[in-house]
Amino acid sequence: MKKQIKDEEIEKIKKQLPSAGAYKIISGMLNGAYKPNTVKAMINQERTMSPAVLLEAKRLIEIINPTNTDQNESNE
Protein backbone atom coordinates (compact mmCIF):
# COMPACT_ATOMS: atom_id res chain seq x y z
CA MET A 1 0.00 0.00 0.00
CA LYS A 2 2.78 2.43 0.91
CA LYS A 3 4.62 1.71 -2.36
CA GLN A 4 1.45 2.43 -4.33
CA ILE A 5 1.08 5.80 -2.64
CA LYS A 6 4.70 6.65 -3.34
CA ASP A 7 4.33 5.55 -6.99
CA GLU A 8 1.32 7.85 -7.37
CA GLU A 9 3.28 10.70 -5.76
CA ILE A 10 6.18 10.18 -8.17
CA GLU A 11 3.81 10.14 -11.15
CA LYS A 12 2.26 13.42 -9.97
CA ILE A 13 5.71 14.99 -9.65
CA LYS A 14 6.74 13.67 -13.07
CA LYS A 15 3.74 15.38 -14.69
CA GLN A 16 4.56 18.72 -13.04
CA LEU A 17 8.24 18.80 -14.02
CA PRO A 18 9.23 20.70 -17.16
CA SER A 19 9.94 18.43 -20.10
CA ALA A 20 13.31 19.95 -20.95
CA GLY A 21 16.22 20.20 -18.54
CA ALA A 22 14.49 19.14 -15.32
CA TYR A 23 16.79 16.17 -14.68
CA LYS A 24 19.90 18.30 -15.21
CA ILE A 25 18.57 21.00 -12.87
CA ILE A 26 17.77 18.45 -10.15
CA SER A 27 21.25 16.94 -10.58
CA GLY A 28 22.72 20.43 -10.13
CA MET A 29 20.58 21.06 -7.06
CA LEU A 30 22.17 17.93 -5.58
CA ASN A 31 25.67 19.21 -6.45
CA GLY A 32 26.15 16.38 -8.94
CA ALA A 33 25.52 13.58 -6.41
CA TYR A 34 23.40 11.93 -9.11
CA LYS A 35 23.89 12.29 -12.86
CA PRO A 36 20.92 13.60 -14.90
CA ASN A 37 20.28 10.16 -16.44
CA THR A 38 20.16 8.62 -12.95
CA VAL A 39 17.64 11.25 -11.84
CA LYS A 40 15.61 10.51 -14.98
CA ALA A 41 15.62 6.78 -14.21
CA MET A 42 14.43 7.47 -10.65
CA ILE A 43 11.59 9.71 -11.79
CA ASN A 44 10.60 7.19 -14.47
CA GLN A 45 10.58 4.52 -11.70
CA GLU A 46 13.30 2.48 -13.39
CA ARG A 47 15.50 2.86 -10.29
CA THR A 48 14.75 3.16 -6.60
CA MET A 49 13.86 6.75 -5.76
CA SER A 50 16.32 8.51 -3.50
CA PRO A 51 14.64 10.69 -0.84
CA ALA A 52 17.05 13.50 -1.75
CA VAL A 53 16.02 13.39 -5.41
CA LEU A 54 12.34 13.35 -4.44
CA LEU A 55 12.82 16.35 -2.17
CA GLU A 56 14.70 18.36 -4.81
CA ALA A 57 12.09 17.51 -7.45
CA LYS A 58 9.41 18.89 -5.12
CA ARG A 59 11.53 22.01 -4.51
CA LEU A 60 11.97 22.54 -8.25
CA ILE A 61 8.21 22.29 -8.80
CA GLU A 62 7.67 24.78 -5.96
CA ILE A 63 10.15 27.19 -7.56
CA ILE A 64 8.51 26.89 -10.98
CA ASN A 65 4.92 26.98 -9.68
CA PRO A 66 4.94 28.96 -6.43
CA THR A 67 1.81 28.71 -4.35
CA ASN A 68 -0.40 31.72 -3.84
CA THR A 69 0.45 31.93 -0.13
CA ASP A 70 3.36 34.30 -0.81
CA GLN A 71 1.14 36.55 -2.90
CA ASN A 72 -1.61 36.55 -0.27
CA GLU A 73 0.85 37.53 2.47
CA SER A 74 2.11 40.52 0.49
CA ASN A 75 -1.45 41.76 -0.09
CA GLU A 76 -2.24 41.98 3.62
C-alpha atoms as a PDB file:
ATOM      1  CA  MET A   1       0.000   0.000   0.000  1.00  0.00           C
ATOM      2  CA  LYS A   2       2.779   2.432   0.915  1.00  0.00           C
ATOM      3  CA  LYS A   3       4.616   1.708  -2.363  1.00  0.00           C
ATOM      4  CA  GLN A   4       1.449   2.426  -4.335  1.00  0.00           C
ATOM      5  CA  ILE A   5       1.075   5.802  -2.639  1.00  0.00           C
ATOM      6  CA  LYS A   6       4.702   6.649  -3.341  1.00  0.00           C
ATOM      7  CA  ASP A   7       4.332   5.554  -6.993  1.00  0.00           C
ATOM      8  CA  GLU A   8       1.322   7.850  -7.369  1.00  0.00           C
ATOM      9  CA  GLU A   9       3.279  10.699  -5.758  1.00  0.00           C
ATOM     10  CA  ILE A  10       6.180  10.182  -8.175  1.00  0.00           C
ATOM     11  CA  GLU A  11       3.805  10.141 -11.153  1.00  0.00           C
ATOM     12  CA  LYS A  12       2.258  13.418  -9.971  1.00  0.00           C
ATOM     13  CA  ILE A  13       5.708  14.989  -9.649  1.00  0.00           C
ATOM     14  CA  LYS A  14       6.738  13.673 -13.068  1.00  0.00           C
ATOM     15  CA  LYS A  15       3.741  15.379 -14.694  1.00  0.00           C
ATOM     16  CA  GLN A  16       4.561  18.717 -13.043  1.00  0.00           C
ATOM     17  CA  LEU A  17       8.238  18.804 -14.017  1.00  0.00           C
ATOM     18  CA  PRO A  18       9.228  20.704 -17.159  1.00  0.00           C
ATOM     19  CA  SER A  19       9.943  18.426 -20.103  1.00  0.00           C
ATOM     20  CA  ALA A  20      13.315  19.954 -20.946  1.00  0.00           C
ATOM     21  CA  GLY A  21      16.216  20.196 -18.537  1.00  0.00           C
ATOM     22  CA  ALA A  22      14.490  19.135 -15.317  1.00  0.00           C
ATOM     23  CA  TYR A  23      16.795  16.174 -14.681  1.00  0.00           C
ATOM     24  CA  LYS A  24      19.899  18.297 -15.211  1.00  0.00           C
ATOM     25  CA  ILE A  25      18.571  20.997 -12.871  1.00  0.00           C
ATOM     26  CA  ILE A  26      17.773  18.447 -10.148  1.00  0.00           C
ATOM     27  CA  SER A  27      21.248  16.943 -10.580  1.00  0.00           C
ATOM     28  CA  GLY A  28      22.721  20.427 -10.135  1.00  0.00           C
ATOM     29  CA  MET A  29      20.582  21.065  -7.057  1.00  0.00           C
ATOM     30  CA  LEU A  30      22.170  17.928  -5.578  1.00  0.00           C
ATOM     31  CA  ASN A  31      25.669  19.206  -6.454  1.00  0.00           C
ATOM     32  CA  GLY A  32      26.147  16.378  -8.941  1.00  0.00           C
ATOM     33  CA  ALA A  33      25.519  13.584  -6.411  1.00  0.00           C
ATOM     34  CA  TYR A  34      23.396  11.930  -9.106  1.00  0.00           C
ATOM     35  CA  LYS A  35      23.888  12.289 -12.862  1.00  0.00           C
ATOM     36  CA  PRO A  36      20.924  13.597 -14.896  1.00  0.00           C
ATOM     37  CA  ASN A  37      20.279  10.157 -16.436  1.00  0.00           C
ATOM     38  CA  THR A  38      20.157   8.615 -12.950  1.00  0.00           C
ATOM     39  CA  VAL A  39      17.639  11.245 -11.842  1.00  0.00           C
ATOM     40  CA  LYS A  40      15.614  10.509 -14.982  1.00  0.00           C
ATOM     41  CA  ALA A  41      15.623   6.784 -14.207  1.00  0.00           C
ATOM     42  CA  MET A  42      14.432   7.467 -10.654  1.00  0.00           C
ATOM     43  CA  ILE A  43      11.591   9.707 -11.791  1.00  0.00           C
ATOM     44  CA  ASN A  44      10.597   7.188 -14.467  1.00  0.00           C
ATOM     45  CA  GLN A  45      10.583   4.522 -11.701  1.00  0.00           C
ATOM     46  CA  GLU A  46      13.298   2.479 -13.390  1.00  0.00           C
ATOM     47  CA  ARG A  47      15.497   2.858 -10.292  1.00  0.00           C
ATOM     48  CA  THR A  48      14.752   3.158  -6.605  1.00  0.00           C
ATOM     49  CA  MET A  49      13.864   6.746  -5.758  1.00  0.00           C
ATOM     50  CA  SER A  50      16.316   8.512  -3.496  1.00  0.00           C
ATOM     51  CA  PRO A  51      14.644  10.685  -0.839  1.00  0.00           C
ATOM     52  CA  ALA A  52      17.054  13.501  -1.748  1.00  0.00           C
ATOM     53  CA  VAL A  53      16.015  13.393  -5.413  1.00  0.00           C
ATOM     54  CA  LEU A  54      12.343  13.352  -4.444  1.00  0.00           C
ATOM     55  CA  LEU A  55      12.818  16.354  -2.166  1.00  0.00           C
ATOM     56  CA  GLU A  56      14.702  18.360  -4.807  1.00  0.00           C
ATOM     57  CA  ALA A  57      12.095  17.514  -7.455  1.00  0.00           C
ATOM     58  CA  LYS A  58       9.412  18.890  -5.125  1.00  0.00           C
ATOM     59  CA  ARG A  59      11.526  22.009  -4.508  1.00  0.00           C
ATOM     60  CA  LEU A  60      11.967  22.537  -8.252  1.00  0.00           C
ATOM     61  CA  ILE A  61       8.210  22.288  -8.797  1.00  0.00           C
ATOM     62  CA  GLU A  62       7.670  24.778  -5.960  1.00  0.00           C
ATOM     63  CA  ILE A  63      10.150  27.193  -7.564  1.00  0.00           C
ATOM     64  CA  ILE A  64       8.509  26.888 -10.978  1.00  0.00           C
ATOM     65  CA  ASN A  65       4.924  26.983  -9.681  1.00  0.00           C
ATOM     66  CA  PRO A  66       4.944  28.961  -6.434  1.00  0.00           C
ATOM     67  CA  THR A  67       1.810  28.710  -4.351  1.00  0.00           C
ATOM     68  CA  ASN A  68      -0.398  31.719  -3.839  1.00  0.00           C
ATOM     69  CA  THR A  69       0.455  31.934  -0.132  1.00  0.00           C
ATOM     70  CA  ASP A  70       3.360  34.295  -0.811  1.00  0.00           C
ATOM     71  CA  GLN A  71       1.141  36.552  -2.902  1.00  0.00           C
ATOM     72  CA  ASN A  72      -1.610  36.545  -0.266  1.00  0.00           C
ATOM     73  CA  GLU A  73       0.846  37.526   2.470  1.00  0.00           C
ATOM     74  CA  SER A  74       2.115  40.516   0.491  1.00  0.00           C
ATOM     75  CA  ASN A  75      -1.448  41.762  -0.086  1.00  0.00           C
ATOM     76  CA  GLU A  76      -2.239  41.983   3.619  1.00  0.00           C
END
